[in-house]
C-alpha atoms as a PDB file:
ATOM      1  CA  UNK A   1      54.612 156.585 -91.421  1.00  0.00           C
ATOM      2  CA  UNK A   2      57.792 154.737 -90.589  1.00  0.00           C
ATOM      3  CA  UNK A   3      58.996 153.306 -87.287  1.00  0.00           C
ATOM      4  CA  UNK A   4      61.623 156.086 -87.187  1.00  0.00           C
ATOM      5  CA  UNK A   5      58.870 158.727 -87.366  1.00  0.00           C
ATOM      6  CA  UNK A   6      56.948 157.077 -84.526  1.00  0.00           C
ATOM      7  CA  UNK A   7      60.055 156.680 -82.353  1.00  0.00           C
ATOM      8  CA  UNK A   8      61.073 160.254 -83.107  1.00  0.00           C
ATOM      9  CA  UNK A   9      57.632 161.524 -82.061  1.00  0.00           C
ATOM     10  CA  UNK A  10      57.863 159.537 -78.811  1.00  0.00           C
ATOM     11  CA  UNK A  11      61.341 160.880 -78.008  1.00  0.00           C
ATOM     12  CA  UNK A  12      60.450 164.472 -78.869  1.00  0.00           C
ATOM     13  CA  UNK A  13      57.156 164.118 -76.974  1.00  0.00           C
ATOM     14  CA  UNK A  14      58.974 162.832 -73.910  1.00  0.00           C
ATOM     15  CA  UNK A  15      61.419 165.736 -73.994  1.00  0.00           C
ATOM     16  CA  UNK A  16      58.754 168.410 -74.598  1.00  0.00           C
ATOM     17  CA  UNK A  17      56.476 166.852 -71.958  1.00  0.00           C
ATOM     18  CA  UNK A  18      59.303 166.653 -69.419  1.00  0.00           C
ATOM     19  CA  UNK A  19      60.235 170.283 -70.092  1.00  0.00           C
ATOM     20  CA  UNK A  20      56.584 171.234 -69.605  1.00  0.00           C
ATOM     21  CA  UNK A  21      56.480 169.447 -66.255  1.00  0.00           C
ATOM     22  CA  UNK A  22      59.756 171.073 -65.174  1.00  0.00           C
ATOM     23  CA  UNK A  23      58.460 174.562 -65.963  1.00  0.00           C
ATOM     24  CA  UNK A  24      55.084 174.001 -64.259  1.00  0.00           C
ATOM     25  CA  UNK A  25      55.420 174.620 -60.504  1.00  0.00           C
ATOM     26  CA  UNK A  26      54.210 172.063 -57.993  1.00  0.00           C
ATOM     27  CA  UNK A  27      53.590 168.355 -58.243  1.00  0.00           C
ATOM     28  CA  UNK A  28      51.567 166.945 -61.142  1.00  0.00           C
ATOM     29  CA  UNK A  29      49.682 163.696 -60.501  1.00  0.00           C
ATOM     30  CA  UNK A  30      50.224 162.266 -63.982  1.00  0.00           C
ATOM     31  CA  UNK A  31      52.432 159.425 -65.117  1.00  0.00           C
ATOM     32  CA  UNK A  32      55.157 159.273 -67.685  1.00  0.00           C
ATOM     33  CA  UNK A  33      52.848 157.918 -70.415  1.00  0.00           C
ATOM     34  CA  UNK A  34      50.455 160.881 -70.128  1.00  0.00           C
ATOM     35  CA  UNK A  35      53.473 163.202 -70.039  1.00  0.00           C
ATOM     36  CA  UNK A  36      54.700 161.754 -73.343  1.00  0.00           C
ATOM     37  CA  UNK A  37      51.224 161.976 -74.923  1.00  0.00           C
ATOM     38  CA  UNK A  38      50.856 165.608 -73.833  1.00  0.00           C
ATOM     39  CA  UNK A  39      54.366 166.292 -75.162  1.00  0.00           C
ATOM     40  CA  UNK A  40      53.608 164.736 -78.548  1.00  0.00           C
ATOM     41  CA  UNK A  41      50.395 166.733 -78.902  1.00  0.00           C
ATOM     42  CA  UNK A  42      52.162 169.927 -77.782  1.00  0.00           C
ATOM     43  CA  UNK A  43      54.990 169.320 -80.279  1.00  0.00           C
ATOM     44  CA  UNK A  44      52.590 168.775 -83.171  1.00  0.00           C
ATOM     45  CA  UNK A  45      50.343 171.732 -82.317  1.00  0.00           C
ATOM     46  CA  UNK A  46      53.348 173.966 -81.612  1.00  0.00           C
ATOM     47  CA  UNK A  47      54.861 173.131 -84.987  1.00  0.00           C
ATOM     48  CA  UNK A  48      51.548 173.828 -86.735  1.00  0.00           C
ATOM     49  CA  UNK A  49      51.179 177.188 -84.969  1.00  0.00           C
ATOM     50  CA  UNK A  50      54.772 178.121 -85.833  1.00  0.00           C
ATOM     51  CA  UNK A  51      54.137 177.346 -89.490  1.00  0.00           C
ATOM     52  CA  UNK A  52      50.913 179.392 -89.494  1.00  0.00           C
ATOM     53  CA  UNK A  53      52.784 182.305 -87.909  1.00  0.00           C
ATOM     54  CA  UNK A  54      55.446 182.055 -90.610  1.00  0.00           C
ATOM     55  CA  UNK A  55      58.343 181.028 -88.363  1.00  0.00           C
ATOM     56  CA  UNK A  56      61.137 180.041 -90.720  1.00  0.00           C
ATOM     57  CA  UNK A  57      62.593 176.555 -90.488  1.00  0.00           C
ATOM     58  CA  UNK A  58      66.325 176.707 -89.752  1.00  0.00           C
ATOM     59  CA  UNK A  59      68.995 174.003 -89.961  1.00  0.00           C
ATOM     60  CA  UNK A  60      69.578 174.313 -86.192  1.00  0.00           C
ATOM     61  CA  UNK A  61      67.167 174.566 -83.302  1.00  0.00           C
ATOM     62  CA  UNK A  62      64.016 176.553 -84.022  1.00  0.00           C
ATOM     63  CA  UNK A  63      63.846 178.424 -80.726  1.00  0.00           C
ATOM     64  CA  UNK A  64      60.497 180.118 -81.343  1.00  0.00           C
ATOM     65  CA  UNK A  65      58.912 176.785 -82.248  1.00  0.00           C
ATOM     66  CA  UNK A  66      60.495 175.113 -79.219  1.00  0.00           C
ATOM     67  CA  UNK A  67      59.174 177.814 -76.890  1.00  0.00           C
ATOM     68  CA  UNK A  68      55.689 177.414 -78.379  1.00  0.00           C
ATOM     69  CA  UNK A  69      55.859 173.659 -77.878  1.00  0.00           C
ATOM     70  CA  UNK A  70      57.009 173.942 -74.255  1.00  0.00           C
ATOM     71  CA  UNK A  71      54.349 176.555 -73.436  1.00  0.00           C
ATOM     72  CA  UNK A  72      51.699 174.274 -74.919  1.00  0.00           C
ATOM     73  CA  UNK A  73      53.119 171.349 -72.932  1.00  0.00           C
ATOM     74  CA  UNK A  74      52.904 173.414 -69.714  1.00  0.00           C
ATOM     75  CA  UNK A  75      49.264 174.209 -70.490  1.00  0.00           C
ATOM     76  CA  UNK A  76      48.544 170.588 -71.413  1.00  0.00           C
ATOM     77  CA  UNK A  77      50.242 169.142 -68.317  1.00  0.00           C
ATOM     78  CA  UNK A  78      48.369 171.648 -66.148  1.00  0.00           C
ATOM     79  CA  UNK A  79      45.036 170.739 -67.712  1.00  0.00           C
ATOM     80  CA  UNK A  80      45.611 166.983 -67.488  1.00  0.00           C
ATOM     81  CA  UNK A  81      46.911 167.256 -63.917  1.00  0.00           C
ATOM     82  CA  UNK A  82      43.883 169.336 -62.961  1.00  0.00           C
ATOM     83  CA  UNK A  83      41.461 166.848 -64.496  1.00  0.00           C
ATOM     84  CA  UNK A  84      43.251 163.820 -62.980  1.00  0.00           C
ATOM     85  CA  UNK A  85      43.471 165.509 -59.578  1.00  0.00           C
ATOM     86  CA  UNK A  86      39.763 166.309 -59.652  1.00  0.00           C
ATOM     87  CA  UNK A  87      38.712 162.781 -60.607  1.00  0.00           C
ATOM     88  CA  UNK A  88      40.858 161.158 -57.890  1.00  0.00           C
ATOM     89  CA  UNK A  89      39.448 163.242 -55.052  1.00  0.00           C
END
């Protein structure tokens, strides 16, 4: 695992996590670090699901894979926000 792989995962995780937060309505009481972590996990799981489903890898943007990743990020952000909101009350 190279530094480029790690930095790439952080950047992609930040983008996917931010898209997940944008799609999810309301305010989420989680910070940017948790958003990136949720985004990284969503990106990895979304890619794995896309490969299992047989989604072909294309030279451009894999829209089906991206949609899977964002949907998983929405679910992840919602779960984390719900848990964090419950523990703070």
